Amino acid sequence: MQTKNDDKIAAEIKLIAGYILKGFSNNEIANKLNYSKSTINNRINVLFNSYRVKTRSEFVIKFCKAALNTSKQILQDYRIKIKNLKKTNEQMNFILTQLIKYKSCKEKTNLIIDKVEKYLNNVSNH
C-alpha cells in the first residue's frame, strides 16, 4: 500500500526527471528544490533504477523513446476515433437523408389524402 510519503517522493522524482530533461545538474536541482545533494542523488538513483539506466544520457534517450511511443499510441487512438466518427457521420447522413425522404413522402401522402377527402366531400355533396 502506497503512503502519502511515497506519493510525495514519486512526485519529487517526476519533478527531478523534468529538471534532468531540461539539462539541470544535481546541484542546480538541489538548489531549485531546496534539498540536499544526497537527497537529489538518492531520488535520481530511484529514477534511473526504474528506467534501468545508469547515465543521464541513457535516461533521456529511454524517456524520449517512451514518450514517442506514447505519442504514437495516442495518435493511433485518435485516428481510430476519427475513423469511427466519420463512419458515425456517414450513418447520421444516411439516416437524415432517409428522414428527409420520409418527410417528403409523408407530405405528398398528406396532400393526396387531402385531395381524396376533398373529392369525396364533393362527391357526397352532389
N, C-alpha and C. Protein backbone atom coordinates (compact mmCIF):
# COMPACT_ATOMS: atom_id res chain seq x y z
N MET A 1 0.84 -1.18 0.00
CA MET A 1 0.00 0.00 0.00
C MET A 1 0.88 1.24 0.00
N GLN A 2 0.56 2.19 -0.86
CA GLN A 2 1.36 3.38 -1.01
C GLN A 2 0.92 4.42 0.02
N THR A 3 1.92 5.06 0.66
CA THR A 3 1.62 6.08 1.66
C THR A 3 1.70 7.46 1.03
N LYS A 4 1.30 8.46 1.81
CA LYS A 4 1.39 9.83 1.33
C LYS A 4 2.84 10.21 1.06
N ASN A 5 3.75 9.69 1.90
CA ASN A 5 5.17 9.96 1.70
C ASN A 5 5.65 9.37 0.38
N ASP A 6 5.18 8.14 0.07
CA ASP A 6 5.53 7.52 -1.21
C ASP A 6 5.03 8.37 -2.38
N ASP A 7 3.82 8.88 -2.25
CA ASP A 7 3.26 9.75 -3.30
C ASP A 7 4.09 11.03 -3.44
N LYS A 8 4.53 11.56 -2.31
CA LYS A 8 5.35 12.78 -2.32
C LYS A 8 6.68 12.51 -3.01
N ILE A 9 7.30 11.38 -2.68
CA ILE A 9 8.58 11.03 -3.30
C ILE A 9 8.40 10.81 -4.80
N ALA A 10 7.32 10.12 -5.17
CA ALA A 10 7.05 9.88 -6.60
C ALA A 10 6.88 11.21 -7.34
N ALA A 11 6.18 12.16 -6.72
CA ALA A 11 6.00 13.48 -7.35
C ALA A 11 7.34 14.20 -7.46
N GLU A 12 8.17 14.08 -6.42
CA GLU A 12 9.50 14.71 -6.46
C GLU A 12 10.36 14.10 -7.57
N ILE A 13 10.27 12.79 -7.72
CA ILE A 13 11.06 12.11 -8.76
C ILE A 13 10.62 12.58 -10.15
N LYS A 14 9.32 12.75 -10.35
CA LYS A 14 8.83 13.27 -11.64
C LYS A 14 9.37 14.68 -11.89
N LEU A 15 9.37 15.48 -10.83
CA LEU A 15 9.89 16.85 -10.94
C LEU A 15 11.38 16.83 -11.28
N ILE A 16 12.11 15.96 -10.59
CA ILE A 16 13.56 15.83 -10.84
C ILE A 16 13.80 15.35 -12.27
N ALA A 17 12.98 14.42 -12.73
CA ALA A 17 13.12 13.93 -14.12
C ALA A 17 12.97 15.08 -15.10
N GLY A 18 12.02 15.96 -14.83
CA GLY A 18 11.83 17.13 -15.69
C GLY A 18 13.05 18.02 -15.72
N TYR A 19 13.65 18.22 -14.54
CA TYR A 19 14.87 19.05 -14.48
C TYR A 19 16.03 18.37 -15.22
N ILE A 20 16.13 17.06 -15.09
CA ILE A 20 17.20 16.34 -15.81
C ILE A 20 17.00 16.51 -17.31
N LEU A 21 15.75 16.37 -17.77
CA LEU A 21 15.46 16.51 -19.20
C LEU A 21 15.76 17.92 -19.70
N LYS A 22 15.67 18.89 -18.80
CA LYS A 22 15.99 20.28 -19.17
C LYS A 22 17.47 20.58 -19.06
N GLY A 23 18.27 19.60 -18.59
CA GLY A 23 19.71 19.77 -18.54
C GLY A 23 20.27 20.31 -17.23
N PHE A 24 19.47 20.32 -16.18
CA PHE A 24 19.94 20.80 -14.89
C PHE A 24 20.92 19.80 -14.27
N SER A 25 21.93 20.31 -13.56
CA SER A 25 22.85 19.45 -12.82
C SER A 25 22.22 19.07 -11.48
N ASN A 26 22.83 18.09 -10.79
CA ASN A 26 22.32 17.69 -9.48
C ASN A 26 22.32 18.87 -8.51
N ASN A 27 23.40 19.67 -8.53
CA ASN A 27 23.47 20.83 -7.65
C ASN A 27 22.36 21.83 -7.96
N GLU A 28 22.12 22.07 -9.24
CA GLU A 28 21.06 23.01 -9.63
C GLU A 28 19.68 22.50 -9.19
N ILE A 29 19.48 21.20 -9.34
CA ILE A 29 18.19 20.61 -8.91
C ILE A 29 18.04 20.74 -7.40
N ALA A 30 19.12 20.43 -6.66
CA ALA A 30 19.08 20.54 -5.20
C ALA A 30 18.75 21.97 -4.78
N ASN A 31 19.37 22.93 -5.42
CA ASN A 31 19.10 24.34 -5.09
C ASN A 31 17.67 24.73 -5.44
N LYS A 32 17.17 24.27 -6.60
CA LYS A 32 15.80 24.59 -7.02
C LYS A 32 14.78 24.06 -6.02
N LEU A 33 15.00 22.81 -5.58
CA LEU A 33 14.02 22.15 -4.70
C LEU A 33 14.31 22.34 -3.22
N ASN A 34 15.44 23.01 -2.95
CA ASN A 34 15.85 23.24 -1.56
C ASN A 34 16.06 21.92 -0.80
N TYR A 35 16.70 20.97 -1.48
CA TYR A 35 17.06 19.68 -0.88
C TYR A 35 18.56 19.54 -0.85
N SER A 36 19.03 18.59 -0.05
CA SER A 36 20.47 18.32 -0.04
C SER A 36 20.84 17.58 -1.32
N LYS A 37 22.11 17.67 -1.68
CA LYS A 37 22.58 16.99 -2.88
C LYS A 37 22.41 15.48 -2.73
N SER A 38 22.59 14.95 -1.51
CA SER A 38 22.45 13.50 -1.31
C SER A 38 20.99 13.05 -1.52
N THR A 39 20.03 13.88 -1.11
CA THR A 39 18.61 13.54 -1.35
C THR A 39 18.34 13.50 -2.85
N ILE A 40 18.85 14.48 -3.57
CA ILE A 40 18.67 14.50 -5.03
C ILE A 40 19.33 13.28 -5.64
N ASN A 41 20.55 12.95 -5.20
CA ASN A 41 21.25 11.77 -5.72
C ASN A 41 20.43 10.51 -5.48
N ASN A 42 19.84 10.38 -4.28
CA ASN A 42 19.01 9.21 -3.97
C ASN A 42 17.80 9.13 -4.88
N ARG A 43 17.13 10.26 -5.09
CA ARG A 43 15.95 10.29 -5.95
C ARG A 43 16.33 9.94 -7.40
N ILE A 44 17.47 10.46 -7.84
CA ILE A 44 17.92 10.16 -9.20
C ILE A 44 18.25 8.68 -9.33
N ASN A 45 18.84 8.08 -8.30
CA ASN A 45 19.12 6.64 -8.33
C ASN A 45 17.82 5.84 -8.46
N VAL A 46 16.80 6.24 -7.70
CA VAL A 46 15.49 5.58 -7.81
C VAL A 46 14.95 5.72 -9.24
N LEU A 47 15.05 6.93 -9.77
CA LEU A 47 14.57 7.19 -11.13
C LEU A 47 15.32 6.34 -12.15
N PHE A 48 16.65 6.35 -12.07
CA PHE A 48 17.45 5.58 -13.03
C PHE A 48 17.19 4.09 -12.90
N ASN A 49 17.03 3.60 -11.66
CA ASN A 49 16.72 2.17 -11.47
C ASN A 49 15.37 1.80 -12.09
N SER A 50 14.41 2.70 -11.95
CA SER A 50 13.08 2.40 -12.52
C SER A 50 13.13 2.35 -14.04
N TYR A 51 14.03 3.12 -14.64
CA TYR A 51 14.20 3.11 -16.10
C TYR A 51 15.28 2.13 -16.55
N ARG A 52 15.93 1.51 -15.58
CA ARG A 52 17.02 0.56 -15.85
C ARG A 52 18.12 1.20 -16.70
N VAL A 53 18.57 2.38 -16.25
CA VAL A 53 19.66 3.10 -16.91
C VAL A 53 20.70 3.48 -15.87
N LYS A 54 21.90 3.86 -16.36
CA LYS A 54 22.98 4.23 -15.45
C LYS A 54 23.42 5.69 -15.61
N THR A 55 23.09 6.28 -16.76
CA THR A 55 23.54 7.65 -17.01
C THR A 55 22.37 8.54 -17.41
N ARG A 56 22.62 9.84 -17.32
CA ARG A 56 21.61 10.81 -17.75
C ARG A 56 21.28 10.66 -19.23
N SER A 57 22.30 10.43 -20.02
CA SER A 57 22.08 10.27 -21.46
C SER A 57 21.16 9.09 -21.74
N GLU A 58 21.44 7.96 -21.08
CA GLU A 58 20.58 6.78 -21.26
C GLU A 58 19.15 7.10 -20.82
N PHE A 59 19.03 7.82 -19.70
CA PHE A 59 17.70 8.17 -19.21
C PHE A 59 16.95 9.03 -20.23
N VAL A 60 17.62 10.07 -20.73
CA VAL A 60 16.98 10.98 -21.68
C VAL A 60 16.53 10.21 -22.92
N ILE A 61 17.40 9.35 -23.43
CA ILE A 61 17.07 8.57 -24.64
C ILE A 61 15.88 7.65 -24.36
N LYS A 62 15.94 6.93 -23.24
CA LYS A 62 14.87 5.99 -22.92
C LYS A 62 13.56 6.73 -22.66
N PHE A 63 13.64 7.85 -21.96
CA PHE A 63 12.44 8.64 -21.68
C PHE A 63 11.83 9.15 -22.98
N CYS A 64 12.67 9.69 -23.86
CA CYS A 64 12.16 10.22 -25.13
C CYS A 64 11.55 9.13 -26.00
N LYS A 65 12.18 7.94 -26.00
CA LYS A 65 11.60 6.83 -26.77
C LYS A 65 10.23 6.44 -26.21
N ALA A 66 10.15 6.38 -24.88
CA ALA A 66 8.87 6.04 -24.24
C ALA A 66 7.83 7.10 -24.56
N ALA A 67 8.24 8.37 -24.49
CA ALA A 67 7.31 9.46 -24.80
C ALA A 67 6.86 9.39 -26.26
N LEU A 68 7.78 9.08 -27.15
CA LEU A 68 7.46 8.96 -28.57
C LEU A 68 6.47 7.81 -28.80
N ASN A 69 6.72 6.68 -28.16
CA ASN A 69 5.80 5.54 -28.29
C ASN A 69 4.42 5.88 -27.75
N THR A 70 4.40 6.60 -26.63
CA THR A 70 3.11 7.02 -26.06
C THR A 70 2.40 7.96 -27.03
N SER A 71 3.16 8.89 -27.60
CA SER A 71 2.57 9.82 -28.57
C SER A 71 2.04 9.09 -29.80
N LYS A 72 2.79 8.11 -30.25
CA LYS A 72 2.34 7.32 -31.41
C LYS A 72 1.04 6.59 -31.09
N GLN A 73 0.96 6.04 -29.88
CA GLN A 73 -0.25 5.31 -29.48
C GLN A 73 -1.44 6.26 -29.37
N ILE A 74 -1.20 7.42 -28.80
CA ILE A 74 -2.28 8.42 -28.69
C ILE A 74 -2.74 8.84 -30.08
N LEU A 75 -1.79 9.08 -30.97
CA LEU A 75 -2.13 9.45 -32.35
C LEU A 75 -2.94 8.35 -33.02
N GLN A 76 -2.53 7.10 -32.83
CA GLN A 76 -3.26 5.98 -33.42
C GLN A 76 -4.68 5.91 -32.85
N ASP A 77 -4.80 6.12 -31.53
CA ASP A 77 -6.12 6.11 -30.89
C ASP A 77 -7.01 7.20 -31.49
N TYR A 78 -6.43 8.40 -31.71
CA TYR A 78 -7.21 9.48 -32.30
C TYR A 78 -7.59 9.17 -33.74
N ARG A 79 -6.69 8.53 -34.47
CA ARG A 79 -7.03 8.15 -35.85
C ARG A 79 -8.22 7.20 -35.86
N ILE A 80 -8.21 6.25 -34.93
CA ILE A 80 -9.33 5.29 -34.84
C ILE A 80 -10.61 6.03 -34.48
N LYS A 81 -10.52 6.96 -33.52
CA LYS A 81 -11.71 7.72 -33.11
C LYS A 81 -12.24 8.54 -34.28
N ILE A 82 -11.34 9.17 -35.03
CA ILE A 82 -11.76 9.97 -36.19
C ILE A 82 -12.42 9.08 -37.24
N LYS A 83 -11.83 7.91 -37.47
CA LYS A 83 -12.41 6.97 -38.44
C LYS A 83 -13.81 6.57 -37.99
N ASN A 84 -13.96 6.28 -36.70
CA ASN A 84 -15.28 5.91 -36.18
C ASN A 84 -16.26 7.07 -36.28
N LEU A 85 -15.76 8.29 -36.03
CA LEU A 85 -16.63 9.46 -36.16
C LEU A 85 -17.08 9.65 -37.60
N LYS A 86 -16.16 9.40 -38.54
CA LYS A 86 -16.53 9.50 -39.95
C LYS A 86 -17.61 8.49 -40.30
N LYS A 87 -17.44 7.26 -39.76
CA LYS A 87 -18.48 6.24 -40.01
C LYS A 87 -19.80 6.68 -39.39
N THR A 88 -19.73 7.19 -38.17
CA THR A 88 -20.93 7.66 -37.49
C THR A 88 -21.55 8.82 -38.27
N ASN A 89 -20.72 9.72 -38.77
CA ASN A 89 -21.21 10.85 -39.56
C ASN A 89 -21.89 10.35 -40.83
N GLU A 90 -21.28 9.36 -41.49
CA GLU A 90 -21.89 8.79 -42.69
C GLU A 90 -23.24 8.15 -42.35
N GLN A 91 -23.29 7.45 -41.21
CA GLN A 91 -24.55 6.82 -40.79
C GLN A 91 -25.61 7.89 -40.49
N MET A 92 -25.18 8.96 -39.81
CA MET A 92 -26.12 10.03 -39.50
C MET A 92 -26.62 10.71 -40.77
N ASN A 93 -25.73 10.90 -41.73
CA ASN A 93 -26.15 11.50 -43.01
C ASN A 93 -27.15 10.59 -43.72
N PHE A 94 -26.91 9.29 -43.68
CA PHE A 94 -27.84 8.34 -44.30
C PHE A 94 -29.21 8.43 -43.61
N ILE A 95 -29.19 8.42 -42.29
CA ILE A 95 -30.45 8.50 -41.53
C ILE A 95 -31.17 9.81 -41.83
N LEU A 96 -30.41 10.91 -41.87
CA LEU A 96 -31.01 12.21 -42.17
C LEU A 96 -31.62 12.21 -43.57
N THR A 97 -30.92 11.63 -44.52
CA THR A 97 -31.45 11.52 -45.89
C THR A 97 -32.75 10.72 -45.89
N GLN A 98 -32.76 9.62 -45.16
CA GLN A 98 -33.97 8.80 -45.09
C GLN A 98 -35.12 9.57 -44.44
N LEU A 99 -34.80 10.33 -43.40
CA LEU A 99 -35.84 11.12 -42.74
C LEU A 99 -36.39 12.19 -43.67
N ILE A 100 -35.52 12.81 -44.43
CA ILE A 100 -35.96 13.83 -45.39
C ILE A 100 -36.87 13.18 -46.44
N LYS A 101 -36.45 12.01 -46.93
CA LYS A 101 -37.28 11.29 -47.90
C LYS A 101 -38.63 10.93 -47.29
N TYR A 102 -38.59 10.47 -46.03
CA TYR A 102 -39.83 10.10 -45.34
C TYR A 102 -40.73 11.31 -45.18
N LYS A 103 -40.13 12.44 -44.77
CA LYS A 103 -40.93 13.66 -44.59
C LYS A 103 -41.55 14.09 -45.91
N SER A 104 -40.74 14.04 -46.97
CA SER A 104 -41.25 14.41 -48.29
C SER A 104 -42.39 13.48 -48.70
N CYS A 105 -42.17 12.20 -48.48
CA CYS A 105 -43.20 11.20 -48.82
C CYS A 105 -44.45 11.42 -47.97
N LYS A 106 -44.24 11.72 -46.69
CA LYS A 106 -45.38 11.95 -45.80
C LYS A 106 -46.15 13.19 -46.25
N GLU A 107 -45.43 14.24 -46.64
CA GLU A 107 -46.10 15.45 -47.11
C GLU A 107 -46.89 15.16 -48.38
N LYS A 108 -46.29 14.39 -49.28
CA LYS A 108 -47.00 14.04 -50.52
C LYS A 108 -48.24 13.20 -50.20
N THR A 109 -48.06 12.28 -49.27
CA THR A 109 -49.19 11.43 -48.87
C THR A 109 -50.30 12.27 -48.27
N ASN A 110 -49.93 13.22 -47.43
CA ASN A 110 -50.94 14.10 -46.82
C ASN A 110 -51.66 14.93 -47.88
N LEU A 111 -50.92 15.39 -48.90
CA LEU A 111 -51.55 16.13 -50.00
C LEU A 111 -52.55 15.26 -50.74
N ILE A 112 -52.14 14.02 -50.99
CA ILE A 112 -53.04 13.09 -51.69
C ILE A 112 -54.27 12.82 -50.84
N ILE A 113 -54.08 12.61 -49.54
CA ILE A 113 -55.22 12.36 -48.64
C ILE A 113 -56.15 13.57 -48.64
N ASP A 114 -55.58 14.76 -48.59
CA ASP A 114 -56.41 15.98 -48.63
C ASP A 114 -57.22 16.04 -49.92
N LYS A 115 -56.59 15.75 -51.04
CA LYS A 115 -57.29 15.79 -52.33
C LYS A 115 -58.39 14.74 -52.38
N VAL A 116 -58.08 13.54 -51.88
CA VAL A 116 -59.10 12.47 -51.87
C VAL A 116 -60.26 12.87 -50.99
N GLU A 117 -59.95 13.45 -49.81
CA GLU A 117 -61.03 13.88 -48.92
C GLU A 117 -61.88 14.97 -49.57
N LYS A 118 -61.24 15.92 -50.24
CA LYS A 118 -61.99 16.97 -50.94
C LYS A 118 -62.86 16.36 -52.03
N TYR A 119 -62.30 15.45 -52.76
CA TYR A 119 -63.05 14.79 -53.83
C TYR A 119 -64.25 14.05 -53.25
N LEU A 120 -64.01 13.30 -52.17
CA LEU A 120 -65.10 12.55 -51.55
C LEU A 120 -66.16 13.50 -51.00
N ASN A 121 -65.76 14.61 -50.44
CA ASN A 121 -66.72 15.60 -49.95
C ASN A 121 -67.55 16.19 -51.07
N ASN A 122 -66.88 16.47 -52.20
CA ASN A 122 -67.62 16.98 -53.38
C ASN A 122 -68.58 15.96 -53.92
N VAL A 123 -68.14 14.72 -53.97
CA VAL A 123 -68.99 13.65 -54.50
C VAL A 123 -70.18 13.43 -53.57
N SER A 124 -69.96 13.44 -52.29
CA SER A 124 -71.04 13.19 -51.35
C SER A 124 -72.02 14.36 -51.28
N ASN A 125 -71.58 15.57 -51.59
CA ASN A 125 -72.45 16.75 -51.57
C ASN A 125 -73.29 16.83 -52.85
N HIS A 126 -72.97 16.10 -53.86
CA HIS A 126 -73.74 16.17 -55.13
C HIS A 126 -74.71 15.10 -55.22
